[in-house]
Amino acid sequence: SSRSGDEALRDKRARILSRGLPKQKPIEGVKQVVVVASGKGGVGKSTTADIMTITFLFLTQTKEVGLLDADIYGPSIPKMMNLKGSPELTPKNLMRPLKNYGIACMSMGFLIEETAPVVWRGLMVMSAVEKLLRQVDWGQLDYLVIDMPPGTGDVQLSVSQNIPVAGAVIVSTPQDVALLDARKGAEMFRKVHVPVLGLVQNMSVFQCPKCKHETHIFGADGVRDLAKTLGLDILGDVPLHVNIRETCDSGQPVVISQPQSDA
């Protein structure tokens, strides 16, 4: 029948395409990998990855947790986690992650000067990502959170095709322009067979510290509407709050420095 012929053709195409894909190989010592991504830069993806990793640790105190900063051009995890210095090497010539708050961290920011720009072509970036994935002694981790660069490019594809990823968290503001790219990010992970765990709506509302009036600067509930459209869950709703910004800039995330605050 024509239907069975179409199915056979689809199967043949899938087999041909799969030949060109790298075989997924787990990161040694890491049980589960969760990526935090966004289609657009500046929506608070690194802040979310930072806070989410610490929350993982708080909620599962018997677990070992790590954080990998895969944003080669704009690494921000060193500052947010209040870490400086170069990683030591093991006898096997693997890099030892730097630690703070009980979290093992690795970033391109540990390997270059803080003010030095990374002016590299794509192949060099991919080589750096491969080193951060494979040449780090993570020990034994229950969860590794990867802070991805913005967009849907080479790094995202390389990570999702080279290592088994348990799921992706998509971060966006409620602004229409950001939502367009957030949707592309979610669809990209679905195409490479990475489960999308849900969406985080960041900078959802601003409350005036004096009069307490609330203003939806970037729009109201845009991410919630997108989640309904895509059939996904909302994992969190984060306000635009000065405490979150100040504590991340000082390397003392709000969930550690001000755990009882409204933020």
Protein backbone atom coordinates (compact mmCIF):
# COMPACT_ATOMS: atom_id res chain seq x y z
CA SER A 1 0.00 0.00 0.00
CA SER A 2 1.05 3.64 -0.39
CA ARG A 3 0.98 4.10 3.39
CA SER A 4 3.42 1.27 4.07
CA GLY A 5 5.61 2.59 1.24
CA ASP A 6 5.71 6.04 2.87
CA GLU A 7 6.63 4.51 6.22
CA ALA A 8 9.44 2.50 4.63
CA LEU A 9 10.74 5.64 2.93
CA ARG A 10 10.71 7.56 6.23
CA ASP A 11 12.57 4.73 7.96
CA LYS A 12 15.18 4.67 5.20
CA ARG A 13 15.68 8.43 5.44
CA ALA A 14 16.06 8.22 9.23
CA ARG A 15 18.70 5.49 8.88
CA ILE A 16 20.66 7.49 6.30
CA LEU A 17 20.57 10.65 8.44
CA SER A 18 21.59 8.77 11.58
CA ARG A 19 24.79 7.53 9.92
CA GLY A 20 26.20 11.04 9.91
CA LEU A 21 25.47 11.71 13.60
CA PRO A 22 28.07 11.10 16.29
CA LYS A 23 27.37 8.35 18.78
CA GLN A 24 26.32 9.70 22.15
CA LYS A 25 28.84 9.01 24.88
CA PRO A 26 28.08 9.84 28.52
CA ILE A 27 30.35 12.19 30.46
CA GLU A 28 32.40 10.02 32.78
CA GLY A 29 31.06 10.13 36.33
CA VAL A 30 27.92 12.12 35.45
CA LYS A 31 24.52 10.46 35.88
CA GLN A 32 22.13 13.12 34.54
CA VAL A 33 22.67 16.17 32.33
CA VAL A 34 20.18 19.06 32.21
CA VAL A 35 20.74 21.97 29.83
CA VAL A 36 19.45 25.51 30.41
CA ALA A 37 18.92 27.35 27.15
CA SER A 38 17.30 30.36 25.55
CA GLY A 39 16.74 31.44 22.01
CA LYS A 40 17.75 35.05 22.75
CA GLY A 41 20.53 36.51 24.85
CA GLY A 42 19.89 38.75 27.83
CA VAL A 43 16.83 36.93 29.18
CA GLY A 44 18.50 35.68 32.37
CA LYS A 45 19.52 32.20 31.27
CA SER A 46 22.79 32.13 33.24
CA THR A 47 21.07 33.52 36.33
CA THR A 48 18.46 30.79 36.05
CA ALA A 49 21.11 28.08 35.56
CA ASP A 50 23.02 29.42 38.57
CA ILE A 51 20.00 29.50 40.89
CA MET A 52 18.62 26.22 39.56
CA THR A 53 21.89 24.38 40.28
CA ILE A 54 22.01 25.66 43.86
CA THR A 55 18.35 24.74 44.33
CA PHE A 56 19.12 21.23 43.06
CA LEU A 57 21.70 21.00 45.84
CA PHE A 58 19.34 22.34 48.53
CA LEU A 59 16.46 20.05 47.56
CA THR A 60 18.64 16.94 47.21
CA GLN A 61 21.28 17.40 49.90
CA THR A 62 22.59 13.88 49.46
CA LYS A 63 23.33 14.52 45.77
CA GLU A 64 26.45 15.83 44.05
CA VAL A 65 25.81 18.68 41.62
CA GLY A 66 27.95 20.41 38.97
CA LEU A 67 27.61 23.46 36.73
CA LEU A 68 29.20 23.75 33.28
CA ASP A 69 29.34 27.13 31.55
CA ALA A 70 29.21 26.31 27.82
CA ASP A 71 28.92 29.97 26.76
CA ILE A 72 32.39 30.30 25.25
CA TYR A 73 32.07 33.91 24.09
CA GLY A 74 30.39 35.28 27.21
CA PRO A 75 31.14 33.14 30.27
CA SER A 76 29.40 34.57 33.33
CA ILE A 77 29.32 31.66 35.80
CA PRO A 78 32.74 32.53 37.36
CA LYS A 79 31.42 35.91 38.50
CA MET A 80 28.01 34.61 39.55
CA MET A 81 29.58 31.76 41.55
CA ASN A 82 32.34 34.03 42.96
CA LEU A 83 35.16 31.89 41.56
CA LYS A 84 38.56 32.91 40.21
CA GLY A 85 41.72 31.12 39.21
CA SER A 86 42.79 28.34 36.89
CA PRO A 87 41.80 24.69 37.34
CA GLU A 88 44.45 22.26 38.58
CA LEU A 89 45.34 19.21 36.50
CA THR A 90 45.02 15.63 37.67
CA PRO A 91 47.73 13.00 36.99
CA LYS A 92 45.59 11.99 33.98
CA ASN A 93 45.86 15.57 32.65
CA LEU A 94 42.18 16.32 33.34
CA MET A 95 41.03 19.68 34.70
CA ARG A 96 39.64 19.77 38.23
CA PRO A 97 36.52 21.95 38.53
CA LEU A 98 36.58 24.91 40.88
CA LYS A 99 34.10 24.67 43.77
CA ASN A 100 31.90 27.06 45.69
CA TYR A 101 28.72 26.50 47.71
CA GLY A 102 29.39 22.77 47.31
CA ILE A 103 29.01 22.95 43.51
CA ALA A 104 31.70 21.85 41.04
CA CYS A 105 32.03 24.49 38.29
CA MET A 106 33.86 24.66 34.98
CA SER A 107 33.92 27.56 32.55
CA MET A 108 35.93 29.08 29.74
CA GLY A 109 36.22 32.03 32.11
CA PHE A 110 38.70 30.02 34.21
CA LEU A 111 41.00 29.52 31.22
CA ILE A 112 41.32 33.09 29.91
CA GLU A 113 41.86 36.53 31.39
CA GLU A 114 38.67 38.09 32.75
CA THR A 115 38.74 40.99 30.26
CA ALA A 116 40.08 39.02 27.28
CA PRO A 117 37.64 38.55 24.39
CA VAL A 118 37.33 35.14 22.76
CA VAL A 119 37.86 35.89 19.05
CA TRP A 120 37.53 32.41 17.57
CA ARG A 121 36.01 30.75 14.57
CA GLY A 122 33.48 27.95 14.88
CA LEU A 123 35.92 25.02 14.83
CA MET A 124 37.91 26.46 17.73
CA VAL A 125 34.73 27.01 19.71
CA MET A 126 33.65 23.41 19.13
CA SER A 127 37.08 22.17 20.22
CA ALA A 128 36.78 24.20 23.43
CA VAL A 129 33.31 22.78 24.12
CA GLU A 130 34.63 19.26 23.59
CA LYS A 131 37.42 19.91 26.11
CA LEU A 132 34.97 21.27 28.68
CA LEU A 133 32.82 18.17 28.24
CA ARG A 134 35.47 15.46 28.06
CA GLN A 135 38.65 16.76 29.71
CA VAL A 136 37.24 17.64 33.12
CA ASP A 137 37.42 15.37 36.17
CA TRP A 138 33.87 15.79 37.48
CA GLY A 139 34.25 13.01 40.02
CA GLN A 140 30.84 11.47 40.64
CA LEU A 141 27.90 13.80 39.90
CA ASP A 142 24.21 13.07 40.19
CA TYR A 143 23.34 16.17 38.14
CA LEU A 144 25.34 18.35 35.76
CA VAL A 145 23.59 21.57 34.71
CA ILE A 146 24.93 23.06 31.47
CA ASP A 147 24.47 26.78 30.90
CA MET A 148 24.18 26.97 27.11
CA PRO A 149 24.95 29.99 24.92
CA PRO A 150 21.96 31.77 23.39
CA GLY A 151 20.63 30.63 20.06
CA THR A 152 20.22 27.33 18.22
CA GLY A 153 23.66 26.88 16.69
CA ASP A 154 26.68 24.58 16.69
CA VAL A 155 27.15 24.35 20.46
CA GLN A 156 23.55 23.34 21.11
CA LEU A 157 23.63 20.70 18.37
CA SER A 158 27.04 19.37 19.42
CA VAL A 159 26.05 19.00 23.09
CA SER A 160 22.70 17.37 22.33
CA GLN A 161 24.18 14.96 19.79
CA ASN A 162 27.38 14.00 21.62
CA ILE A 163 26.13 13.35 25.15
CA PRO A 164 22.87 11.94 26.51
CA VAL A 165 20.79 14.86 27.84
CA ALA A 166 18.01 14.13 30.31
CA GLY A 167 16.16 17.33 29.45
CA ALA A 168 16.25 21.01 28.53
CA VAL A 169 14.88 24.02 30.41
CA ILE A 170 13.99 27.02 28.23
CA VAL A 171 14.24 30.52 29.73
CA SER A 172 12.48 33.58 28.30
CA THR A 173 11.03 36.92 29.26
CA PRO A 174 7.33 37.49 28.44
CA GLN A 175 8.30 39.88 25.62
CA ASP A 176 7.03 38.87 22.17
CA VAL A 177 10.47 39.21 20.55
CA ALA A 178 12.02 36.89 23.13
CA LEU A 179 9.15 34.41 22.85
CA LEU A 180 9.75 33.96 19.12
CA ASP A 181 13.28 32.74 19.80
CA ALA A 182 12.25 30.72 22.88
CA ARG A 183 9.85 28.77 20.71
CA LYS A 184 12.62 28.08 18.19
CA GLY A 185 14.83 26.85 21.02
CA ALA A 186 12.16 24.45 22.28
CA GLU A 187 11.47 23.13 18.80
CA MET A 188 15.20 22.62 18.16
CA PHE A 189 15.57 20.36 21.20
CA ARG A 190 12.51 18.42 20.18
CA LYS A 191 14.02 17.84 16.72
CA VAL A 192 17.20 16.40 18.23
CA HIS A 193 15.13 14.23 20.61
CA VAL A 194 15.98 16.06 23.83
CA PRO A 195 12.94 16.27 26.15
CA VAL A 196 11.94 19.83 27.02
CA LEU A 197 11.24 19.78 30.76
CA GLY A 198 9.46 23.12 30.73
CA LEU A 199 9.77 26.90 30.52
CA VAL A 200 10.91 29.52 33.01
CA GLN A 201 9.33 32.97 32.78
CA ASN A 202 11.98 35.47 33.87
CA MET A 203 11.59 39.19 34.60
CA SER A 204 7.86 38.58 34.75
CA VAL A 205 6.91 41.58 36.92
CA PHE A 206 8.56 44.58 38.57
CA GLN A 207 7.34 45.78 41.96
CA CYS A 208 8.22 49.34 42.94
CA PRO A 209 10.20 49.14 46.23
CA LYS A 210 8.50 52.32 47.50
CA CYS A 211 4.83 52.13 46.56
CA LYS A 212 4.67 48.36 45.81
CA HIS A 213 2.92 48.98 42.49
CA GLU A 214 3.50 46.13 40.06
CA THR A 215 4.39 46.75 36.41
CA HIS A 216 4.73 44.09 33.72
CA ILE A 217 7.60 45.76 31.89
CA PHE A 218 8.07 42.96 29.34
CA GLY A 219 4.42 41.98 29.09
CA ALA A 220 2.25 39.65 31.17
CA ASP A 221 2.12 35.84 30.96
CA GLY A 222 3.67 35.56 27.50
CA VAL A 223 5.72 32.51 28.50
CA ARG A 224 2.66 30.91 30.10
CA ASP A 225 0.77 31.32 26.83
CA LEU A 226 3.70 29.83 24.89
CA ALA A 227 3.84 26.89 27.30
CA LYS A 228 0.17 26.15 26.67
CA THR A 229 0.73 26.33 22.90
CA LEU A 230 3.65 23.90 23.09
CA GLY A 231 2.03 21.64 25.68
CA LEU A 232 4.80 22.31 28.22
CA ASP A 233 4.92 23.11 31.92
CA ILE A 234 5.88 26.40 33.56
CA LEU A 235 8.69 25.54 35.96
CA GLY A 236 9.08 28.95 37.54
CA ASP A 237 8.03 32.60 37.43
CA VAL A 238 10.89 34.92 38.39
CA PRO A 239 10.31 38.64 39.08
CA LEU A 240 12.51 41.50 37.90
CA HIS A 241 14.02 42.28 41.29
CA VAL A 242 17.08 44.32 42.27
CA ASN A 243 18.11 41.74 44.89
CA ILE A 244 18.43 39.01 42.26
CA ARG A 245 20.63 41.22 40.10
CA GLU A 246 22.80 42.51 42.95
CA THR A 247 23.39 39.11 44.52
CA CYS A 248 24.32 37.49 41.20
CA ASP A 249 26.74 40.33 40.42
CA SER A 250 28.39 39.90 43.83
CA GLY A 251 28.71 36.13 43.44
CA GLN A 252 26.28 35.42 46.28
CA PRO A 253 23.09 34.15 44.60
CA VAL A 254 19.88 35.20 46.31
CA VAL A 255 18.92 31.62 47.23
CA ILE A 256 22.07 31.51 49.41
CA SER A 257 22.52 35.08 50.62
CA GLN A 258 18.83 35.91 51.14
CA PRO A 259 16.95 32.58 51.23
CA GLN A 260 13.99 34.04 53.20
CA SER A 261 13.46 37.06 50.93
CA ASP A 262 10.44 37.43 48.67
CA ALA A 263 12.73 37.30 45.64
